[in-house]
Amino acid sequence: FKRDRLVVVASNVAVDFAFCQEKMSILDYKKKSTQASKK
C-alpha cells in the first residue's frame, strides 16, 4: 500500500523505516534550537 503516496515514518526502531529513501534525525534540529537559545 505504499505505492506513490507521501509516506512519513516516525520511529527509533530501524525495521519501521528500513524502506524509506530519505532519513532525518529530529535531534539535528534540537541542537540548532539549543545553540540558538544559548546565543
PDB file of all heavy atoms in Angstrom:
ATOM      1  N   PHE A   1       0.779  -1.237   0.000  1.00  0.00           N
ATOM      2  CA  PHE A   1       0.000   0.000   0.000  1.00  0.00           C
ATOM      3  C   PHE A   1       0.819   1.300   0.000  1.00  0.00           C
ATOM      4  O   PHE A   1       0.237   2.374  -0.021  1.00  0.00           O
ATOM      5  CB  PHE A   1      -0.949   0.016   1.203  1.00  0.00           C
ATOM      6  CG  PHE A   1      -2.047  -1.004   1.114  1.00  0.00           C
ATOM      7  CD1 PHE A   1      -1.980  -2.178   1.842  1.00  0.00           C
ATOM      8  CD2 PHE A   1      -3.126  -0.801   0.268  1.00  0.00           C
ATOM      9  CE1 PHE A   1      -2.997  -3.128   1.758  1.00  0.00           C
ATOM     10  CE2 PHE A   1      -4.149  -1.741   0.169  1.00  0.00           C
ATOM     11  CZ  PHE A   1      -4.082  -2.910   0.909  1.00  0.00           C
ATOM     12  N   LYS A   2       2.135   1.210   0.007  1.00  0.00           N
ATOM     13  CA  LYS A   2       2.940   2.436  -0.042  1.00  0.00           C
ATOM     14  C   LYS A   2       2.729   3.174  -1.362  1.00  0.00           C
ATOM     15  O   LYS A   2       2.528   4.381  -1.400  1.00  0.00           O
ATOM     16  CB  LYS A   2       4.418   2.107   0.150  1.00  0.00           C
ATOM     17  CG  LYS A   2       5.333   3.318   0.103  1.00  0.00           C
ATOM     18  CD  LYS A   2       6.732   2.965   0.536  1.00  0.00           C
ATOM     19  CE  LYS A   2       7.459   2.093  -0.501  1.00  0.00           C
ATOM     20  NZ  LYS A   2       7.757   2.864  -1.750  1.00  0.00           N
ATOM     21  N   ARG A   3       2.833   2.466  -2.447  1.00  0.00           N
ATOM     22  CA  ARG A   3       2.580   2.986  -3.792  1.00  0.00           C
ATOM     23  C   ARG A   3       3.271   4.321  -4.032  1.00  0.00           C
ATOM     24  O   ARG A   3       4.449   4.486  -3.725  1.00  0.00           O
ATOM     25  CB  ARG A   3       1.077   3.057  -4.041  1.00  0.00           C
ATOM     26  CG  ARG A   3       0.391   1.695  -3.864  1.00  0.00           C
ATOM     27  CD  ARG A   3      -1.046   1.679  -4.243  1.00  0.00           C
ATOM     28  NE  ARG A   3      -1.641   0.366  -3.990  1.00  0.00           N
ATOM     29  CZ  ARG A   3      -2.901   0.060  -4.272  1.00  0.00           C
ATOM     30  NH1 ARG A   3      -3.704   0.976  -4.812  1.00  0.00           N
ATOM     31  NH2 ARG A   3      -3.358  -1.146  -4.018  1.00  0.00           N
ATOM     32  N   ASP A   4       2.527   5.295  -4.592  1.00  0.00           N
ATOM     33  CA  ASP A   4       3.132   6.601  -4.896  1.00  0.00           C
ATOM     34  C   ASP A   4       2.728   7.654  -3.863  1.00  0.00           C
ATOM     35  O   ASP A   4       2.727   8.849  -4.152  1.00  0.00           O
ATOM     36  CB  ASP A   4       2.743   7.068  -6.300  1.00  0.00           C
ATOM     37  CG  ASP A   4       1.228   7.231  -6.462  1.00  0.00           C
ATOM     38  OD1 ASP A   4       0.486   6.797  -5.544  1.00  0.00           O
ATOM     39  OD2 ASP A   4       0.790   7.793  -7.481  1.00  0.00           O
ATOM     40  N   ARG A   5       2.414   7.220  -2.673  1.00  0.00           N
ATOM     41  CA  ARG A   5       1.996   8.144  -1.627  1.00  0.00           C
ATOM     42  C   ARG A   5       3.196   8.863  -1.006  1.00  0.00           C
ATOM     43  O   ARG A   5       4.339   8.431  -1.147  1.00  0.00           O
ATOM     44  CB  ARG A   5       1.227   7.392  -0.526  1.00  0.00           C
ATOM     45  CG  ARG A   5       0.009   6.665  -1.038  1.00  0.00           C
ATOM     46  CD  ARG A   5      -0.437   5.578  -0.094  1.00  0.00           C
ATOM     47  NE  ARG A   5      -1.463   6.016   0.835  1.00  0.00           N
ATOM     48  CZ  ARG A   5      -2.105   5.204   1.673  1.00  0.00           C
ATOM     49  NH1 ARG A   5      -1.794   3.922   1.714  1.00  0.00           N
ATOM     50  NH2 ARG A   5      -3.025   5.670   2.485  1.00  0.00           N
ATOM     51  N   LEU A   6       2.912   9.939  -0.313  1.00  0.00           N
ATOM     52  CA  LEU A   6       3.911  10.612   0.512  1.00  0.00           C
ATOM     53  C   LEU A   6       3.845   9.930   1.875  1.00  0.00           C
ATOM     54  O   LEU A   6       2.842  10.038   2.576  1.00  0.00           O
ATOM     55  CB  LEU A   6       3.587  12.109   0.626  1.00  0.00           C
ATOM     56  CG  LEU A   6       4.660  13.056   1.171  1.00  0.00           C
ATOM     57  CD1 LEU A   6       4.206  14.498   0.982  1.00  0.00           C
ATOM     58  CD2 LEU A   6       4.964  12.808   2.637  1.00  0.00           C
ATOM     59  N   VAL A   7       4.897   9.220   2.239  1.00  0.00           N
ATOM     60  CA  VAL A   7       4.909   8.431   3.472  1.00  0.00           C
ATOM     61  C   VAL A   7       5.941   9.015   4.439  1.00  0.00           C
ATOM     62  O   VAL A   7       7.074   9.295   4.044  1.00  0.00           O
ATOM     63  CB  VAL A   7       5.251   6.955   3.186  1.00  0.00           C
ATOM     64  CG1 VAL A   7       5.225   6.135   4.484  1.00  0.00           C
ATOM     65  CG2 VAL A   7       4.285   6.365   2.161  1.00  0.00           C
ATOM     66  N   VAL A   8       5.540   9.196   5.689  1.00  0.00           N
ATOM     67  CA  VAL A   8       6.471   9.647   6.726  1.00  0.00           C
ATOM     68  C   VAL A   8       6.350   8.695   7.915  1.00  0.00           C
ATOM     69  O   VAL A   8       5.242   8.481   8.431  1.00  0.00           O
ATOM     70  CB  VAL A   8       6.189  11.085   7.183  1.00  0.00           C
ATOM     71  CG1 VAL A   8       7.245  11.532   8.196  1.00  0.00           C
ATOM     72  CG2 VAL A   8       6.158  12.044   6.000  1.00  0.00           C
ATOM     73  N   VAL A   9       7.479   8.120   8.322  1.00  0.00           N
ATOM     74  CA  VAL A   9       7.510   7.192   9.452  1.00  0.00           C
ATOM     75  C   VAL A   9       8.355   7.812  10.563  1.00  0.00           C
ATOM     76  O   VAL A   9       9.526   8.146  10.355  1.00  0.00           O
ATOM     77  CB  VAL A   9       8.121   5.834   9.052  1.00  0.00           C
ATOM     78  CG1 VAL A   9       8.088   4.869  10.238  1.00  0.00           C
ATOM     79  CG2 VAL A   9       7.383   5.239   7.853  1.00  0.00           C
ATOM     80  N   ALA A  10       7.767   7.979  11.735  1.00  0.00           N
ATOM     81  CA  ALA A  10       8.492   8.496  12.900  1.00  0.00           C
ATOM     82  C   ALA A  10       8.766   7.335  13.845  1.00  0.00           C
ATOM     83  O   ALA A  10       7.837   6.688  14.329  1.00  0.00           O
ATOM     84  CB  ALA A  10       7.673   9.569  13.609  1.00  0.00           C
ATOM     85  N   SER A  11      10.047   7.058  14.077  1.00  0.00           N
ATOM     86  CA  SER A  11      10.372   5.915  14.927  1.00  0.00           C
ATOM     87  C   SER A  11      11.858   5.922  15.266  1.00  0.00           C
ATOM     88  O   SER A  11      12.675   6.556  14.589  1.00  0.00           O
ATOM     89  CB  SER A  11      10.032   4.604  14.196  1.00  0.00           C
ATOM     90  OG  SER A  11      10.371   3.478  14.978  1.00  0.00           O
ATOM     91  N   ASN A  12      12.210   5.192  16.323  1.00  0.00           N
ATOM     92  CA  ASN A  12      13.625   4.938  16.627  1.00  0.00           C
ATOM     93  C   ASN A  12      13.938   3.451  16.479  1.00  0.00           C
ATOM     94  O   ASN A  12      14.965   2.982  16.960  1.00  0.00           O
ATOM     95  CB  ASN A  12      13.990   5.435  18.035  1.00  0.00           C
ATOM     96  CG  ASN A  12      13.082   4.853  19.108  1.00  0.00           C
ATOM     97  OD1 ASN A  12      12.341   3.904  18.865  1.00  0.00           O
ATOM     98  ND2 ASN A  12      13.134   5.421  20.302  1.00  0.00           N
ATOM     99  N   VAL A  13      13.042   2.712  15.805  1.00  0.00           N
ATOM    100  CA  VAL A  13      13.239   1.284  15.537  1.00  0.00           C
ATOM    101  C   VAL A  13      13.540   1.115  14.055  1.00  0.00           C
ATOM    102  O   VAL A  13      12.699   1.446  13.207  1.00  0.00           O
ATOM    103  CB  VAL A  13      11.983   0.478  15.933  1.00  0.00           C
ATOM    104  CG1 VAL A  13      12.180  -1.004  15.618  1.00  0.00           C
ATOM    105  CG2 VAL A  13      11.658   0.672  17.411  1.00  0.00           C
ATOM    106  N   ALA A  14      14.697   0.586  13.724  1.00  0.00           N
ATOM    107  CA  ALA A  14      15.173   0.567  12.340  1.00  0.00           C
ATOM    108  C   ALA A  14      14.224  -0.153  11.385  1.00  0.00           C
ATOM    109  O   ALA A  14      14.024   0.290  10.243  1.00  0.00           O
ATOM    110  CB  ALA A  14      16.561  -0.068  12.285  1.00  0.00           C
ATOM    111  N   VAL A  15      13.617  -1.259  11.828  1.00  0.00           N
ATOM    112  CA  VAL A  15      12.759  -2.012  10.923  1.00  0.00           C
ATOM    113  C   VAL A  15      11.541  -1.209  10.487  1.00  0.00           C
ATOM    114  O   VAL A  15      11.006  -1.419   9.403  1.00  0.00           O
ATOM    115  CB  VAL A  15      12.318  -3.353  11.582  1.00  0.00           C
ATOM    116  CG1 VAL A  15      11.339  -3.103  12.730  1.00  0.00           C
ATOM    117  CG2 VAL A  15      11.706  -4.288  10.553  1.00  0.00           C
ATOM    118  N   ASP A  16      11.116  -0.264  11.308  1.00  0.00           N
ATOM    119  CA  ASP A  16       9.934   0.541  10.989  1.00  0.00           C
ATOM    120  C   ASP A  16      10.124   1.359   9.725  1.00  0.00           C
ATOM    121  O   ASP A  16       9.175   1.580   8.963  1.00  0.00           O
ATOM    122  CB  ASP A  16       9.610   1.508  12.135  1.00  0.00           C
ATOM    123  CG  ASP A  16       9.075   0.805  13.367  1.00  0.00           C
ATOM    124  OD1 ASP A  16       8.964  -0.425  13.353  1.00  0.00           O
ATOM    125  OD2 ASP A  16       8.756   1.507  14.347  1.00  0.00           O
ATOM    126  N   PHE A  17      11.356   1.832   9.497  1.00  0.00           N
ATOM    127  CA  PHE A  17      11.587   2.758   8.385  1.00  0.00           C
ATOM    128  C   PHE A  17      12.672   2.275   7.427  1.00  0.00           C
ATOM    129  O   PHE A  17      13.222   3.059   6.652  1.00  0.00           O
ATOM    130  CB  PHE A  17      11.942   4.153   8.913  1.00  0.00           C
ATOM    131  CG  PHE A  17      13.085   4.198   9.892  1.00  0.00           C
ATOM    132  CD1 PHE A  17      14.400   4.120   9.467  1.00  0.00           C
ATOM    133  CD2 PHE A  17      12.835   4.328  11.248  1.00  0.00           C
ATOM    134  CE1 PHE A  17      15.459   4.165  10.363  1.00  0.00           C
ATOM    135  CE2 PHE A  17      13.894   4.384  12.169  1.00  0.00           C
ATOM    136  CZ  PHE A  17      15.208   4.301  11.719  1.00  0.00           C
ATOM    137  N   ALA A  18      12.975   0.976   7.431  1.00  0.00           N
ATOM    138  CA  ALA A  18      14.040   0.449   6.575  1.00  0.00           C
ATOM    139  C   ALA A  18      13.774   0.712   5.098  1.00  0.00           C
ATOM    140  O   ALA A  18      14.716   0.814   4.300  1.00  0.00           O
ATOM    141  CB  ALA A  18      14.205  -1.051   6.825  1.00  0.00           C
ATOM    142  N   PHE A  19      12.523   0.829   4.710  1.00  0.00           N
ATOM    143  CA  PHE A  19      12.165   1.041   3.302  1.00  0.00           C
ATOM    144  C   PHE A  19      12.236   2.504   2.878  1.00  0.00           C
ATOM    145  O   PHE A  19      12.080   2.816   1.688  1.00  0.00           O
ATOM    146  CB  PHE A  19      10.744   0.525   3.046  1.00  0.00           C
ATOM    147  CG  PHE A  19       9.691   1.244   3.843  1.00  0.00           C
ATOM    148  CD1 PHE A  19       9.036   2.343   3.321  1.00  0.00           C
ATOM    149  CD2 PHE A  19       9.362   0.828   5.127  1.00  0.00           C
ATOM    150  CE1 PHE A  19       8.066   3.015   4.047  1.00  0.00           C
ATOM    151  CE2 PHE A  19       8.394   1.493   5.865  1.00  0.00           C
ATOM    152  CZ  PHE A  19       7.750   2.586   5.321  1.00  0.00           C
ATOM    153  N   CYS A  20      12.442   3.413   3.811  1.00  0.00           N
ATOM    154  CA  CYS A  20      12.412   4.848   3.499  1.00  0.00           C
ATOM    155  C   CYS A  20      13.657   5.273   2.719  1.00  0.00           C
ATOM    156  O   CYS A  20      14.771   4.883   3.051  1.00  0.00           O
ATOM    157  CB  CYS A  20      12.301   5.668   4.783  1.00  0.00           C
ATOM    158  SG  CYS A  20      10.734   5.442   5.664  1.00  0.00           S
ATOM    159  N   GLN A  21      13.433   6.116   1.702  1.00  0.00           N
ATOM    160  CA  GLN A  21      14.556   6.616   0.896  1.00  0.00           C
ATOM    161  C   GLN A  21      15.277   7.782   1.559  1.00  0.00           C
ATOM    162  O   GLN A  21      16.471   7.981   1.362  1.00  0.00           O
ATOM    163  CB  GLN A  21      14.062   7.065  -0.484  1.00  0.00           C
ATOM    164  CG  GLN A  21      13.368   5.979  -1.291  1.00  0.00           C
ATOM    165  CD  GLN A  21      11.854   6.071  -1.232  1.00  0.00           C
ATOM    166  OE1 GLN A  21      11.292   6.351  -0.172  1.00  0.00           O
ATOM    167  NE2 GLN A  21      11.190   5.863  -2.353  1.00  0.00           N
ATOM    168  N   GLU A  22      14.535   8.591   2.325  1.00  0.00           N
ATOM    169  CA  GLU A  22      15.109   9.776   2.953  1.00  0.00           C
ATOM    170  C   GLU A  22      15.013   9.651   4.472  1.00  0.00           C
ATOM    171  O   GLU A  22      14.002   9.180   4.990  1.00  0.00           O
ATOM    172  CB  GLU A  22      14.372  11.040   2.498  1.00  0.00           C
ATOM    173  CG  GLU A  22      14.371  11.265   0.993  1.00  0.00           C
ATOM    174  CD  GLU A  22      15.731  11.696   0.478  1.00  0.00           C
ATOM    175  OE1 GLU A  22      16.539  12.187   1.302  1.00  0.00           O
ATOM    176  OE2 GLU A  22      15.983  11.545  -0.731  1.00  0.00           O
ATOM    177  N   LYS A  23      16.061  10.079   5.165  1.00  0.00           N
ATOM    178  CA  LYS A  23      16.072   9.975   6.632  1.00  0.00           C
ATOM    179  C   LYS A  23      16.490  11.303   7.261  1.00  0.00           C
ATOM    180  O   LYS A  23      17.362  11.993   6.741  1.00  0.00           O
ATOM    181  CB  LYS A  23      17.012   8.860   7.092  1.00  0.00           C
ATOM    182  CG  LYS A  23      16.555   7.471   6.647  1.00  0.00           C
ATOM    183  CD  LYS A  23      17.499   6.384   7.129  1.00  0.00           C
ATOM    184  CE  LYS A  23      16.929   4.995   6.825  1.00  0.00           C
ATOM    185  NZ  LYS A  23      16.781   4.745   5.394  1.00  0.00           N
ATOM    186  N   MET A  24      15.831  11.647   8.357  1.00  0.00           N
ATOM    187  CA  MET A  24      16.115  12.889   9.064  1.00  0.00           C
ATOM    188  C   MET A  24      16.063  12.623  10.557  1.00  0.00           C
ATOM    189  O   MET A  24      15.148  11.954  11.044  1.00  0.00           O
ATOM    190  CB  MET A  24      15.069  13.949   8.691  1.00  0.00           C
ATOM    191  CG  MET A  24      15.261  15.288   9.368  1.00  0.00           C
ATOM    192  SD  MET A  24      13.954  16.464   8.892  1.00  0.00           S
ATOM    193  CE  MET A  24      12.732  16.122  10.151  1.00  0.00           C
ATOM    194  N   SER A  25      17.031  13.118  11.299  1.00  0.00           N
ATOM    195  CA  SER A  25      17.030  12.996  12.756  1.00  0.00           C
ATOM    196  C   SER A  25      16.480  14.277  13.360  1.00  0.00           C
ATOM    197  O   SER A  25      16.991  15.369  13.086  1.00  0.00           O
ATOM    198  CB  SER A  25      18.441  12.730  13.276  1.00  0.00           C
ATOM    199  OG  SER A  25      18.450  12.795  14.693  1.00  0.00           O
ATOM    200  N   ILE A  26      15.468  14.152  14.179  1.00  0.00           N
ATOM    201  CA  ILE A  26      14.888  15.333  14.821  1.00  0.00           C
ATOM    202  C   ILE A  26      15.900  15.978  15.775  1.00  0.00           C
ATOM    203  O   ILE A  26      15.824  17.187  16.063  1.00  0.00           O
ATOM    204  CB  ILE A  26      13.588  14.954  15.571  1.00  0.00           C
ATOM    205  CG1 ILE A  26      12.678  16.179  15.742  1.00  0.00           C
ATOM    206  CG2 ILE A  26      13.877  14.294  16.892  1.00  0.00           C
ATOM    207  CD1 ILE A  26      11.999  16.611  14.472  1.00  0.00           C
ATOM    208  N   LEU A  27      16.875  15.200  16.234  1.00  0.00           N
ATOM    209  CA  LEU A  27      17.886  15.732  17.143  1.00  0.00           C
ATOM    210  C   LEU A  27      18.729  16.819  16.478  1.00  0.00           C
ATOM    211  O   LEU A  27      19.231  17.721  17.160  1.00  0.00           O
ATOM    212  CB  LEU A  27      18.799  14.609  17.646  1.00  0.00           C
ATOM    213  CG  LEU A  27      18.169  13.589  18.601  1.00  0.00           C
ATOM    214  CD1 LEU A  27      19.203  12.549  19.011  1.00  0.00           C
ATOM    215  CD2 LEU A  27      17.571  14.269  19.823  1.00  0.00           C
ATOM    216  N   ASP A  28      18.897  16.739  15.167  1.00  0.00           N
ATOM    217  CA  ASP A  28      19.671  17.763  14.462  1.00  0.00           C
ATOM    218  C   ASP A  28      19.038  19.142  14.630  1.00  0.00           C
ATOM    219  O   ASP A  28      19.742  20.158  14.661  1.00  0.00           O
ATOM    220  CB  ASP A  28      19.772  17.436  12.975  1.00  0.00           C
ATOM    221  CG  ASP A  28      20.634  16.221  12.708  1.00  0.00           C
ATOM    222  OD1 ASP A  28      21.441  15.858  13.596  1.00  0.00           O
ATOM    223  OD2 ASP A  28      20.510  15.625  11.619  1.00  0.00           O
ATOM    224  N   TYR A  29      17.733  19.163  14.748  1.00  0.00           N
ATOM    225  CA  TYR A  29      17.020  20.434  14.868  1.00  0.00           C
ATOM    226  C   TYR A  29      16.807  20.837  16.320  1.00  0.00           C
ATOM    227  O   TYR A  29      16.495  21.983  16.607  1.00  0.00           O
ATOM    228  CB  TYR A  29      15.701  20.349  14.100  1.00  0.00           C
ATOM    229  CG  TYR A  29      15.964  20.062  12.640  1.00  0.00           C
ATOM    230  CD1 TYR A  29      15.959  18.758  12.163  1.00  0.00           C
ATOM    231  CD2 TYR A  29      16.276  21.092  11.767  1.00  0.00           C
ATOM    232  CE1 TYR A  29      16.246  18.485  10.833  1.00  0.00           C
ATOM    233  CE2 TYR A  29      16.557  20.832  10.437  1.00  0.00           C
ATOM    234  CZ  TYR A  29      16.544  19.529   9.980  1.00  0.00           C
ATOM    235  OH  TYR A  29      16.842  19.270   8.662  1.00  0.00           O
ATOM    236  N   LYS A  30      17.021  19.910  17.225  1.00  0.00           N
ATOM    237  CA  LYS A  30      17.033  20.271  18.642  1.00  0.00           C
ATOM    238  C   LYS A  30      18.369  20.916  18.986  1.00  0.00           C
ATOM    239  O   LYS A  30      18.428  21.850  19.775  1.00  0.00           O
ATOM    240  CB  LYS A  30      16.798  19.029  19.514  1.00  0.00           C
ATOM    241  CG  LYS A  30      15.413  18.427  19.338  1.00  0.00           C
ATOM    242  CD  LYS A  30      15.219  17.199  20.187  1.00  0.00           C
ATOM    243  CE  LYS A  30      14.911  17.571  21.623  1.00  0.00           C
ATOM    244  NZ  LYS A  30      13.600  18.211  21.777  1.00  0.00           N
ATOM    245  N   LYS A  31      19.440  20.437  18.370  1.00  0.00           N
ATOM    246  CA  LYS A  31      20.759  21.021  18.604  1.00  0.00           C
ATOM    247  C   LYS A  31      20.779  22.480  18.143  1.00  0.00           C
ATOM    248  O   LYS A  31      21.263  23.361  18.827  1.00  0.00           O
ATOM    249  CB  LYS A  31      21.833  20.223  17.861  1.00  0.00           C
ATOM    250  CG  LYS A  31      22.075  18.833  18.424  1.00  0.00           C
ATOM    251  CD  LYS A  31      23.067  18.075  17.569  1.00  0.00           C
ATOM    252  CE  LYS A  31      23.258  16.652  18.083  1.00  0.00           C
ATOM    253  NZ  LYS A  31      24.164  15.867  17.205  1.00  0.00           N
ATOM    254  N   LYS A  32      20.209  22.703  16.956  1.00  0.00           N
ATOM    255  CA  LYS A  32      20.162  24.066  16.439  1.00  0.00           C
ATOM    256  C   LYS A  32      19.351  24.957  17.366  1.00  0.00           C
ATOM    257  O   LYS A  32      19.669  26.104  17.606  1.00  0.00           O
ATOM    258  CB  LYS A  32      19.554  24.071  15.035  1.00  0.00           C
ATOM    259  CG  LYS A  32      20.425  23.416  13.983  1.00  0.00           C
ATOM    260  CD  LYS A  32      19.729  23.404  12.633  1.00  0.00           C
ATOM    261  CE  LYS A  32      20.589  22.701  11.577  1.00  0.00           C
ATOM    262  NZ  LYS A  32      19.916  22.674  10.264  1.00  0.00           N
ATOM    263  N   SER A  33      18.270  24.376  17.904  1.00  0.00           N
ATOM    264  CA  SER A  33      17.418  25.148  18.824  1.00  0.00           C
ATOM    265  C   SER A  33      18.202  25.523  20.079  1.00  0.00           C
ATOM    266  O   SER A  33      18.149  26.647  20.545  1.00  0.00           O
ATOM    267  CB  SER A  33      16.185  24.315  19.199  1.00  0.00           C
ATOM    268  OG  SER A  33      15.449  24.911  20.212  1.00  0.00           O
ATOM    269  N   THR A  34      18.942  24.542  20.629  1.00  0.00           N
ATOM    270  CA  THR A  34      19.696  24.795  21.857  1.00  0.00           C
ATOM    271  C   THR A  34      20.789  25.833  21.625  1.00  0.00           C
ATOM    272  O   THR A  34      20.995  26.733  22.430  1.00  0.00           O
ATOM    273  CB  THR A  34      20.335  23.474  22.345  1.00  0.00           C
ATOM    274  OG1 THR A  34      19.292  22.538  22.595  1.00  0.00           O
ATOM    275  CG2 THR A  34      21.101  23.702  23.632  1.00  0.00           C
ATOM    276  N   GLN A  35      21.492  25.715  20.500  1.00  0.00           N
ATOM    277  CA  GLN A  35      22.551  26.663  20.183  1.00  0.00           C
ATOM    278  C   GLN A  35      22.004  28.071  20.024  1.00  0.00           C
ATOM    279  O   GLN A  35      22.587  29.035  20.487  1.00  0.00           O
ATOM    280  CB  GLN A  35      23.264  26.213  18.905  1.00  0.00           C
ATOM    281  CG  GLN A  35      24.076  24.939  19.098  1.00  0.00           C
ATOM    282  CD  GLN A  35      24.548  24.343  17.790  1.00  0.00           C
ATOM    283  OE1 GLN A  35      24.228  24.860  16.710  1.00  0.00           O
ATOM    284  NE2 GLN A  35      25.323  23.290  17.868  1.00  0.00           N
ATOM    285  N   ALA A  36      20.827  28.152  19.356  1.00  0.00           N
ATOM    286  CA  ALA A  36      20.221  29.460  19.160  1.00  0.00           C
ATOM    287  C   ALA A  36      19.824  30.081  20.494  1.00  0.00           C
ATOM    288  O   ALA A  36      19.975  31.291  20.714  1.00  0.00           O
ATOM    289  CB  ALA A  36      18.995  29.347  18.254  1.00  0.00           C
ATOM    290  N   SER A  37      19.334  29.253  21.412  1.00  0.00           N
ATOM    291  CA  SER A  37      18.929  29.756  22.717  1.00  0.00           C
ATOM    292  C   SER A  37      20.121  30.263  23.498  1.00  0.00           C
ATOM    293  O   SER A  37      20.040  31.278  24.191  1.00  0.00           O
ATOM    294  CB  SER A  37      18.234  28.637  23.516  1.00  0.00           C
ATOM    295  OG  SER A  37      17.061  28.219  22.865  1.00  0.00           O
ATOM    296  N   LYS A  38      21.273  29.566  23.379  1.00  0.00           N
ATOM    297  CA  LYS A  38      22.466  29.990  24.104  1.00  0.00           C
ATOM    298  C   LYS A  38      22.966  31.340  23.607  1.00  0.00           C
ATOM    299  O   LYS A  38      23.455  32.160  24.359  1.00  0.00           O
ATOM    300  CB  LYS A  38      23.551  28.937  23.950  1.00  0.00           C
ATOM    301  CG  LYS A  38      23.289  27.660  24.758  1.00  0.00           C
ATOM    302  CD  LYS A  38      24.406  26.663  24.571  1.00  0.00           C
ATOM    303  CE  LYS A  38      24.159  25.406  25.416  1.00  0.00           C
ATOM    304  NZ  LYS A  38      25.229  24.402  25.242  1.00  0.00           N
ATOM    305  N   LYS A  39      22.830  31.568  22.284  1.00  0.00           N
ATOM    306  CA  LYS A  39      23.295  32.821  21.698  1.00  0.00           C
ATOM    307  C   LYS A  39      22.470  34.007  22.204  1.00  0.00           C
ATOM    308  O   LYS A  39      22.930  35.093  22.310  1.00  0.00           O
ATOM    309  CB  LYS A  39      23.223  32.744  20.176  1.00  0.00           C
ATOM    310  CG  LYS A  39      24.273  31.810  19.580  1.00  0.00           C
ATOM    311  CD  LYS A  39      24.148  31.757  18.068  1.00  0.00           C
ATOM    312  CE  LYS A  39      25.180  30.801  17.474  1.00  0.00           C
ATOM    313  NZ  LYS A  39      25.066  30.711  16.009  1.00  0.00           N
TER     314      LYS A  39
END
